[in-house]
Amino acid sequence: MMESAIIVDDMQLRNCGPICILILLPLLAMLTAGCGGGGGVSAAGSATSDLIFTREQAAQHGAWTVLVYLDADNDLESAGINNFNQMEKVGSTKDSRIIVQIDRKEGYDTTNGDWTGTRRYLITRDTNTQIMASVRLDDPALGEKDMANTQTLRDFVEWGMQNFPADHYCLVLWDHGSGWEIRSSSILPQYKYIIADDTSYSGMNVTQIPQALEGLHMDVIAFDACMMQQLEVAYQMRNSADYMTGSAAPEPSSGYNYSTWLAHIGSTTSPVRLCQTIVDRYAAAYPAPYQGITQSAIDLGRISNVADAASSFAQALISSGEGNWTKVKTARESALDYSVCANGIERYSLDLIDYAYKCNINIGTAQIQSAYTDLQSAVSDAIIAETHNPDTSNAHGLAIYVPSPRAYDSRYLQLDLAQDTSWDEWLDSQLY
């Protein structure tokens, strides 16, 4: 296919709404039925003799079980089917079993039988990039499930761990995303929150995920969704997994290219190495001149240190007090903001280190400088892999909520970070 650069002004993203002018798509060759990134099975992929094709084979203890919670019961249905077919380029092996629960939505994609319920699959290798040909596992049929219900998530993860035991588990949460935001019953759940189920007219909050995963600890939680790599989200997940991957910025609707990173999972792959591979392969799928591309991996065992350092930095900002409000406002307005979309929805999700740096250089007191140095060190220790494109040169792998005083959302107080640190006190103390 001829290579060509094109500008897409209505590219759907996994974010607050369907339209964001953020992505410059560099190569038509990278656009295959809406999927970003080409990527087939690499040389690191498993040999044919390692492939498995039956439930009985998958039930044998392996190195990894990858559980993909694929909620395509919304306008991302086509992207979900494309990602499913990317997984089939690799297929499950004796070392890596790929188990998917997928929910579809009526009206967006009529391919593959145009069914609209919820199904479970063992992903098996298939060379047809348009047809879902994997082994169906939901017998009896699940029917229609509310993917935003915490019990639905828990049932899938618990079932997957019991039936496909492994040394390590990776849970992929696939859908739209908007960071920490808490759903209000008076606000439409579509295109917001980490799980948006249109059929059930519901959405899941990040505060509910630890409840769903209680006692079901993951090695890796991978958010294939927009804007989930926030300190608030990572701190909420601290007891649910060892590591977490995701993007601080909006993702293209094609999200992860599953064929490129799943192919690298083998018998000796560590959780750290898997995280690094996800970040590396994401960068390869969206090279410059794509814009607004970020991805990072966090050691959740160190995220409490980051929260403590952010709390100390907040206390230093509070102490700086009167006379510095204009400087603080300037720092807030000049820091890298991951959340501004063409549809005008502002999420006030700033790069944590870029914001802290600008507060530091603007205010410059000894207390601020010391707290900034400690925060910078804590974030550096917690980030085990990070990538960003040139247009986000101030990205450091972790965002945080910093609204203007009049835009502060009191639902923030429901988060563990707000309850355990002084960050909410700092936000509440801002004058302008």
Protein backbone atom coordinates (compact mmCIF):
# COMPACT_ATOMS: atom_id res chain seq x y z
CA MET A 1 0.00 0.00 0.00
CA MET A 2 1.27 3.46 -0.83
CA GLU A 3 2.51 5.43 2.14
CA SER A 4 0.79 8.75 2.64
CA ALA A 5 0.46 11.29 5.42
CA ILE A 6 -3.07 12.41 6.19
CA ILE A 7 -4.71 14.60 8.80
CA VAL A 8 -7.69 13.07 10.57
CA ASP A 9 -9.92 15.71 12.15
CA ASP A 10 -12.58 13.37 13.51
CA MET A 11 -10.48 10.54 14.91
CA GLN A 12 -12.35 8.75 17.66
CA LEU A 13 -10.48 8.41 20.92
CA ARG A 14 -11.04 6.30 24.02
CA ASN A 15 -11.92 9.34 26.07
CA CYS A 16 -14.68 11.65 27.23
CA GLY A 17 -16.20 12.00 23.78
CA PRO A 18 -15.91 10.68 20.26
CA ILE A 19 -14.13 13.67 18.72
CA CYS A 20 -10.64 14.88 19.65
CA ILE A 21 -8.24 16.62 17.28
CA LEU A 22 -5.07 15.08 18.66
CA ILE A 23 -3.82 12.49 16.23
CA LEU A 24 -1.77 13.01 13.09
CA LEU A 25 -1.85 9.68 11.28
CA PRO A 26 1.41 9.32 9.40
CA LEU A 27 0.96 6.26 7.23
CA LEU A 28 -2.09 4.85 5.49
CA ALA A 29 -0.32 1.53 5.67
CA MET A 30 -0.84 1.64 9.42
CA LEU A 31 -4.61 1.93 9.07
CA THR A 32 -6.13 -1.53 8.70
CA ALA A 33 -9.90 -1.44 9.22
CA GLY A 34 -9.45 1.21 11.90
CA CYS A 35 -6.51 -0.49 13.67
CA GLY A 36 -3.42 1.51 14.48
CA GLY A 37 -0.03 -0.05 13.95
CA GLY A 38 0.71 -2.92 11.61
CA GLY A 39 2.76 -5.35 13.60
CA GLY A 40 2.52 -9.09 13.14
CA VAL A 41 4.08 -11.83 15.22
CA SER A 42 7.72 -11.01 15.85
CA ALA A 43 10.68 -13.33 15.94
CA ALA A 44 10.10 -13.49 19.66
CA GLY A 45 6.72 -15.17 19.05
CA SER A 46 6.25 -18.77 20.08
CA ALA A 47 6.98 -21.67 17.79
CA THR A 48 4.03 -23.42 16.15
CA SER A 49 4.57 -26.42 18.42
CA ASP A 50 3.87 -24.20 21.45
CA LEU A 51 0.43 -23.08 20.24
CA ILE A 52 -2.68 -24.35 21.96
CA PHE A 53 -6.17 -24.63 20.48
CA THR A 54 -8.39 -26.26 23.10
CA ARG A 55 -9.80 -25.45 26.49
CA GLU A 56 -8.18 -28.60 27.87
CA GLN A 57 -4.74 -27.43 26.77
CA ALA A 58 -5.36 -23.96 28.20
CA ALA A 59 -6.34 -25.46 31.57
CA GLN A 60 -2.77 -26.71 32.10
CA HIS A 61 -0.71 -24.50 34.41
CA GLY A 62 1.30 -21.97 32.43
CA ALA A 63 3.59 -19.00 32.88
CA TRP A 64 1.03 -16.30 32.07
CA THR A 65 -2.71 -15.88 31.79
CA VAL A 66 -3.73 -12.62 30.12
CA LEU A 67 -7.32 -11.71 30.98
CA VAL A 68 -8.77 -9.11 28.61
CA TYR A 69 -11.95 -7.41 29.83
CA LEU A 70 -13.04 -5.97 26.50
CA ASP A 71 -16.07 -3.73 26.88
CA ALA A 72 -17.08 -2.86 23.33
CA ASP A 73 -20.70 -2.25 24.30
CA ASN A 74 -20.39 1.30 22.99
CA ASP A 75 -19.08 3.23 19.99
CA LEU A 76 -15.70 1.42 20.20
CA GLU A 77 -17.19 -1.88 18.99
CA SER A 78 -15.24 -1.94 15.71
CA ALA A 79 -11.99 -1.17 17.52
CA GLY A 80 -12.70 -4.05 19.90
CA ILE A 81 -13.19 -6.50 17.06
CA ASN A 82 -9.99 -5.28 15.41
CA ASN A 83 -8.04 -5.71 18.65
CA PHE A 84 -9.53 -9.19 19.03
CA ASN A 85 -8.20 -10.09 15.58
CA GLN A 86 -4.80 -8.67 16.50
CA MET A 87 -4.72 -11.10 19.43
CA GLU A 88 -5.49 -13.93 17.03
CA LYS A 89 -2.36 -13.10 15.02
CA VAL A 90 -0.44 -14.41 18.03
CA GLY A 91 -2.80 -16.90 19.63
CA SER A 92 -2.52 -18.64 22.98
CA THR A 93 0.48 -20.81 23.80
CA LYS A 94 1.44 -23.19 26.56
CA ASP A 95 3.24 -20.24 28.18
CA SER A 96 0.64 -17.52 27.57
CA ARG A 97 -3.10 -18.12 27.55
CA ILE A 98 -5.13 -15.17 26.24
CA ILE A 99 -8.66 -15.18 27.66
CA VAL A 100 -11.17 -12.54 26.56
CA GLN A 101 -14.58 -11.46 27.76
CA ILE A 102 -16.08 -9.23 25.09
CA ASP A 103 -19.39 -7.36 25.07
CA ARG A 104 -20.74 -5.83 21.87
CA LYS A 105 -23.15 -3.05 20.97
CA GLU A 106 -25.91 -2.99 18.39
CA GLY A 107 -25.54 -0.47 15.61
CA TYR A 108 -21.80 0.10 15.18
CA ASP A 109 -20.29 -3.03 13.61
CA THR A 110 -22.30 -5.69 11.79
CA THR A 111 -19.44 -8.11 11.11
CA ASN A 112 -18.81 -11.49 12.72
CA GLY A 113 -22.45 -12.43 13.10
CA ASP A 114 -23.56 -9.07 14.47
CA TRP A 115 -24.28 -10.60 17.88
CA THR A 116 -24.67 -8.10 20.70
CA GLY A 117 -24.33 -10.06 23.92
CA THR A 118 -21.35 -10.98 26.10
CA ARG A 119 -19.02 -13.86 25.28
CA ARG A 120 -15.82 -15.49 26.54
CA TYR A 121 -13.07 -16.79 24.29
CA LEU A 122 -9.77 -18.61 24.34
CA ILE A 123 -7.78 -16.70 21.74
CA THR A 124 -6.29 -19.08 19.16
CA ARG A 125 -3.97 -18.25 16.29
CA ASP A 126 -5.76 -17.33 13.07
CA THR A 127 -4.41 -15.68 9.92
CA ASN A 128 -7.72 -14.07 8.95
CA THR A 129 -7.57 -10.49 10.23
CA GLN A 130 -11.30 -9.88 9.75
CA ILE A 131 -12.98 -12.93 11.29
CA MET A 132 -13.11 -13.84 15.00
CA ALA A 133 -12.31 -17.55 14.91
CA SER A 134 -11.23 -18.32 18.47
CA VAL A 135 -12.66 -20.95 20.82
CA ARG A 136 -15.80 -19.87 22.61
CA LEU A 137 -15.76 -20.66 26.33
CA ASP A 138 -19.10 -19.42 27.67
CA ASP A 139 -21.13 -22.62 27.88
CA PRO A 140 -23.86 -22.04 28.80
CA ALA A 141 -24.04 -18.69 27.05
CA LEU A 142 -23.64 -15.60 29.23
CA GLY A 143 -26.24 -13.58 27.37
CA GLU A 144 -26.13 -9.84 27.92
CA LYS A 145 -23.98 -8.72 30.86
CA ASP A 146 -23.49 -5.28 32.35
CA MET A 147 -19.73 -4.92 31.98
CA ALA A 148 -19.79 -1.90 34.30
CA ASN A 149 -21.09 -4.03 37.15
CA THR A 150 -18.30 -4.92 39.61
CA GLN A 151 -19.66 -8.43 40.01
CA THR A 152 -19.36 -9.02 36.25
CA LEU A 153 -15.69 -8.04 36.39
CA ARG A 154 -15.06 -10.12 39.49
CA ASP A 155 -16.81 -13.16 38.00
CA PHE A 156 -14.62 -13.00 34.88
CA VAL A 157 -11.34 -12.59 36.74
CA GLU A 158 -12.15 -15.24 39.32
CA TRP A 159 -13.30 -17.68 36.64
CA GLY A 160 -10.21 -16.98 34.53
CA MET A 161 -7.80 -17.56 37.41
CA GLN A 162 -9.53 -20.76 38.50
CA ASN A 163 -9.79 -22.30 35.04
CA PHE A 164 -6.50 -21.12 33.55
CA PRO A 165 -3.95 -21.17 36.39
CA ALA A 166 -0.61 -19.47 35.85
CA ASP A 167 2.49 -18.14 37.57
CA HIS A 168 1.49 -14.61 36.55
CA TYR A 169 -1.71 -12.78 35.66
CA CYS A 170 -2.22 -9.68 33.54
CA LEU A 171 -5.63 -8.00 33.51
CA VAL A 172 -6.34 -5.66 30.60
CA LEU A 173 -9.19 -3.21 31.17
CA TRP A 174 -10.28 -2.11 27.71
CA ASP A 175 -12.64 0.78 26.97
CA HIS A 176 -13.10 4.52 27.15
CA GLY A 177 -11.47 6.23 30.10
CA SER A 178 -11.30 9.61 31.80
CA GLY A 179 -8.95 9.05 34.71
CA TRP A 180 -10.24 9.21 38.27
CA GLU A 181 -13.61 10.81 37.52
CA ILE A 182 -16.48 9.57 39.64
CA ARG A 183 -19.78 9.00 37.89
CA SER A 184 -22.80 10.99 39.00
CA SER A 185 -26.18 9.35 38.53
CA SER A 186 -27.37 12.57 36.94
CA ILE A 187 -24.68 12.51 34.25
CA LEU A 188 -24.73 10.27 31.20
CA PRO A 189 -22.11 7.51 31.53
CA GLN A 190 -21.31 7.28 27.83
CA TYR A 191 -17.68 7.85 26.77
CA LYS A 192 -16.52 8.41 30.32
CA TYR A 193 -15.16 6.33 33.15
CA ILE A 194 -13.15 3.20 32.63
CA ILE A 195 -16.05 0.92 31.66
CA ALA A 196 -19.05 2.36 29.74
CA ASP A 197 -21.79 -0.16 29.01
CA ASP A 198 -24.34 1.44 26.69
CA THR A 199 -26.86 -1.40 26.80
CA SER A 200 -27.06 -1.23 30.58
CA TYR A 201 -26.63 2.55 30.54
CA SER A 202 -23.97 2.32 33.21
CA GLY A 203 -20.34 3.12 33.94
CA MET A 204 -17.73 1.85 36.40
CA ASN A 205 -15.76 4.10 38.73
CA VAL A 206 -12.10 3.54 39.59
CA THR A 207 -13.14 3.31 43.24
CA GLN A 208 -15.07 0.14 42.36
CA ILE A 209 -12.24 -1.77 40.68
CA PRO A 210 -10.39 -2.66 43.92
CA GLN A 211 -13.70 -3.93 45.29
CA ALA A 212 -14.12 -6.18 42.27
CA LEU A 213 -10.55 -7.50 42.57
CA GLU A 214 -10.41 -7.97 46.33
CA GLY A 215 -8.46 -11.17 47.00
CA LEU A 216 -7.66 -11.57 43.27
CA HIS A 217 -4.26 -9.89 43.08
CA MET A 218 -2.85 -9.25 39.60
CA ASP A 219 0.78 -9.02 38.57
CA VAL A 220 -0.11 -6.37 35.98
CA ILE A 221 -3.17 -4.20 35.37
CA ALA A 222 -3.03 -2.66 31.89
CA PHE A 223 -5.45 0.16 31.12
CA ASP A 224 -6.09 0.22 27.37
CA ALA A 225 -8.10 3.40 27.75
CA CYS A 226 -7.62 7.15 27.81
CA MET A 227 -6.05 9.15 30.61
CA MET A 228 -5.84 6.42 33.25
CA GLN A 229 -2.17 6.96 34.20
CA GLN A 230 -2.92 9.34 37.03
CA LEU A 231 -1.58 9.28 40.57
CA GLU A 232 -5.18 9.09 41.78
CA VAL A 233 -5.83 5.92 39.75
CA ALA A 234 -2.49 4.29 40.55
CA TYR A 235 -2.96 4.89 44.26
CA GLN A 236 -6.46 3.42 44.05
CA MET A 237 -4.99 0.28 42.41
CA ARG A 238 -2.07 -0.07 44.83
CA ASN A 239 -3.44 -3.20 46.54
CA SER A 240 -4.90 -4.78 43.39
CA ALA A 241 -1.72 -5.35 41.36
CA ASP A 242 2.06 -5.10 41.45
CA TYR A 243 2.38 -3.00 38.29
CA MET A 244 0.16 -0.81 36.15
CA THR A 245 0.47 0.40 32.57
CA GLY A 246 -1.52 3.08 30.80
CA SER A 247 -1.57 6.45 29.09
CA ALA A 248 -1.81 9.80 30.83
CA ALA A 249 -3.10 11.25 27.57
CA PRO A 250 -6.02 10.23 25.34
CA GLU A 251 -5.39 7.09 23.28
CA PRO A 252 -6.25 6.61 19.60
CA SER A 253 -9.35 4.45 19.30
CA SER A 254 -7.19 1.57 18.05
CA GLY A 255 -5.42 1.50 21.43
CA TYR A 256 -2.83 -1.20 22.03
CA ASN A 257 -1.57 -3.24 19.08
CA TYR A 258 -1.99 -6.62 20.75
CA SER A 259 -0.15 -8.62 18.12
CA THR A 260 3.10 -6.83 18.92
CA TRP A 261 3.33 -7.22 22.69
CA LEU A 262 1.54 -10.53 23.22
CA ALA A 263 4.07 -12.13 20.88
CA HIS A 264 6.85 -11.37 23.37
CA ILE A 265 5.42 -13.30 26.32
CA GLY A 266 7.37 -16.46 27.09
CA SER A 267 8.06 -18.82 29.94
CA THR A 268 10.65 -16.52 31.53
CA THR A 269 8.89 -13.19 30.98
CA SER A 270 8.78 -11.24 34.24
CA PRO A 271 6.02 -8.76 35.11
CA VAL A 272 8.51 -5.90 34.79
CA ARG A 273 9.58 -7.09 31.38
CA LEU A 274 5.97 -7.42 30.23
CA CYS A 275 5.27 -3.84 31.31
CA GLN A 276 8.35 -2.58 29.50
CA THR A 277 7.28 -4.44 26.36
CA ILE A 278 3.77 -2.94 26.45
CA VAL A 279 5.24 0.56 26.70
CA ASP A 280 7.83 -0.09 24.00
CA ARG A 281 5.34 -1.60 21.56
CA TYR A 282 2.87 1.23 22.14
CA ALA A 283 5.57 3.72 21.19
CA ALA A 284 6.36 1.73 18.06
CA ALA A 285 2.70 1.72 17.01
CA TYR A 286 2.38 5.51 17.20
CA PRO A 287 5.68 7.15 16.19
CA ALA A 288 6.03 10.86 15.41
CA PRO A 289 4.36 12.71 13.79
CA TYR A 290 1.53 11.20 15.83
CA GLN A 291 0.69 13.68 18.56
CA GLY A 292 -0.43 13.37 22.17
CA ILE A 293 1.07 9.89 22.59
CA THR A 294 2.21 8.77 26.05
CA GLN A 295 2.51 5.44 27.85
CA SER A 296 4.17 4.40 31.07
CA ALA A 297 4.45 1.57 33.57
CA ILE A 298 4.34 2.07 37.33
CA ASP A 299 5.60 -0.04 40.21
CA LEU A 300 2.54 0.09 42.46
CA GLY A 301 4.65 -1.07 45.38
CA ARG A 302 6.24 2.38 45.31
CA ILE A 303 3.17 4.47 44.60
CA SER A 304 2.56 5.18 48.29
CA ASN A 305 5.96 6.90 48.37
CA VAL A 306 4.81 9.09 45.47
CA ALA A 307 1.56 9.87 47.28
CA ASP A 308 3.47 10.82 50.44
CA ALA A 309 5.83 13.05 48.46
CA ALA A 310 2.90 14.68 46.64
CA SER A 311 1.27 15.29 50.01
CA SER A 312 4.44 16.97 51.33
CA PHE A 313 4.63 19.07 48.18
CA ALA A 314 0.98 20.08 48.69
CA GLN A 315 1.75 21.10 52.27
CA ALA A 316 4.69 23.18 51.05
CA LEU A 317 2.43 24.91 48.53
CA ILE A 318 -0.14 25.63 51.22
CA SER A 319 2.59 27.05 53.45
CA SER A 320 3.84 29.32 50.65
CA GLY A 321 0.51 31.06 51.09
CA GLU A 322 -0.38 34.64 50.38
CA GLY A 323 1.56 36.44 47.69
CA ASN A 324 2.13 33.40 45.50
CA TRP A 325 -1.35 32.74 44.13
CA THR A 326 -0.60 34.35 40.77
CA LYS A 327 2.56 32.28 40.47
CA VAL A 328 0.66 29.10 41.28
CA LYS A 329 -1.99 29.94 38.72
CA THR A 330 0.70 30.51 36.10
CA ALA A 331 2.23 27.12 36.91
CA ARG A 332 -1.13 25.42 36.59
CA GLU A 333 -1.96 27.07 33.29
CA SER A 334 1.46 26.47 31.73
CA ALA A 335 1.99 22.84 32.79
CA LEU A 336 1.39 19.99 30.35
CA ASP A 337 -2.36 19.33 30.34
CA TYR A 338 -3.23 15.89 28.99
CA SER A 339 -6.95 16.38 28.93
CA VAL A 340 -7.91 19.19 26.59
CA CYS A 341 -10.08 17.80 23.78
CA ALA A 342 -11.56 19.43 20.70
CA ASN A 343 -15.03 18.99 22.14
CA GLY A 344 -14.14 21.42 24.90
CA ILE A 345 -14.22 19.08 27.88
CA GLU A 346 -11.41 19.97 30.28
CA ARG A 347 -10.34 17.33 32.79
CA TYR A 348 -7.55 19.32 34.49
CA SER A 349 -5.18 16.37 34.33
CA LEU A 350 -1.67 17.82 34.46
CA ASP A 351 1.70 16.12 34.30
CA LEU A 352 2.64 15.80 37.96
CA ILE A 353 6.33 16.57 37.61
CA ASP A 354 5.90 19.34 35.03
CA TYR A 355 3.37 21.06 37.29
CA ALA A 356 5.57 20.65 40.36
CA TYR A 357 8.61 21.90 38.45
CA LYS A 358 6.79 25.04 37.36
CA CYS A 359 5.54 25.68 40.87
CA ASN A 360 9.11 25.28 42.06
CA ILE A 361 10.70 27.70 39.59
CA ASN A 362 7.88 30.23 40.06
CA ILE A 363 7.90 30.23 43.87
CA GLY A 364 11.42 29.03 44.62
CA THR A 365 11.35 28.85 48.42
CA ALA A 366 13.65 26.37 50.14
CA GLN A 367 10.67 24.37 51.38
CA ILE A 368 9.17 24.12 47.86
CA GLN A 369 12.54 23.19 46.35
CA SER A 370 13.12 20.43 48.90
CA ALA A 371 9.61 19.01 48.48
CA TYR A 372 9.94 19.14 44.69
CA THR A 373 13.25 17.24 44.79
CA ASP A 374 11.70 14.54 46.97
CA LEU A 375 8.66 14.25 44.68
CA GLN A 376 10.83 14.05 41.58
CA SER A 377 12.87 11.24 43.17
CA ALA A 378 9.76 9.30 44.25
CA VAL A 379 8.22 9.47 40.77
CA SER A 380 11.49 8.45 39.15
CA ASP A 381 11.70 5.41 41.42
CA ALA A 382 8.11 4.37 40.68
CA ILE A 383 8.18 4.69 36.88
CA ILE A 384 9.75 1.56 35.40
CA ALA A 385 9.11 2.47 31.74
CA GLU A 386 7.95 5.63 30.00
CA THR A 387 7.53 6.91 26.45
CA HIS A 388 6.16 10.04 24.84
CA ASN A 389 6.28 11.70 21.45
CA PRO A 390 8.13 15.00 20.83
CA ASP A 391 5.01 17.15 21.18
CA THR A 392 4.66 15.98 24.81
CA SER A 393 8.28 16.59 25.75
CA ASN A 394 7.25 17.62 29.28
CA ALA A 395 5.64 14.24 29.97
CA HIS A 396 7.01 12.20 32.87
CA GLY A 397 4.61 9.26 32.97
CA LEU A 398 2.15 10.31 35.67
CA ALA A 399 -0.65 12.88 35.80
CA ILE A 400 -2.55 14.48 38.67
CA TYR A 401 -5.76 16.48 39.06
CA VAL A 402 -5.20 20.26 39.35
CA PRO A 403 -8.35 22.24 38.52
CA SER A 404 -8.92 25.94 38.89
CA PRO A 405 -10.74 26.71 42.17
CA ARG A 406 -14.11 27.24 40.51
CA ALA A 407 -13.82 23.94 38.59
CA TYR A 408 -13.02 21.74 41.59
CA ASP A 409 -15.15 18.57 41.67
CA SER A 410 -16.07 17.61 45.25
CA ARG A 411 -16.47 13.96 44.20
CA TYR A 412 -12.67 13.92 44.31
CA LEU A 413 -13.01 13.42 48.05
CA GLN A 414 -14.21 9.85 47.46
CA LEU A 415 -10.73 8.83 46.30
CA ASP A 416 -8.17 7.17 48.56
CA LEU A 417 -5.57 9.76 47.55
CA ALA A 418 -7.78 12.59 48.75
CA GLN A 419 -8.51 10.80 52.01
CA ASP A 420 -4.90 9.81 52.72
CA THR A 421 -2.94 12.88 51.60
CA SER A 422 -3.04 16.68 51.65
CA TRP A 423 -3.54 17.02 47.91
CA ASP A 424 -7.26 17.76 48.25
CA GLU A 425 -6.50 20.36 50.93
CA TRP A 426 -4.14 22.05 48.51
CA LEU A 427 -6.75 22.09 45.74
CA ASP A 428 -9.33 23.46 48.15
CA SER A 429 -6.98 26.18 49.38
CA GLN A 430 -6.29 27.72 45.96
CA LEU A 431 -7.68 31.22 45.64
CA TYR A 432 -7.38 31.57 41.87
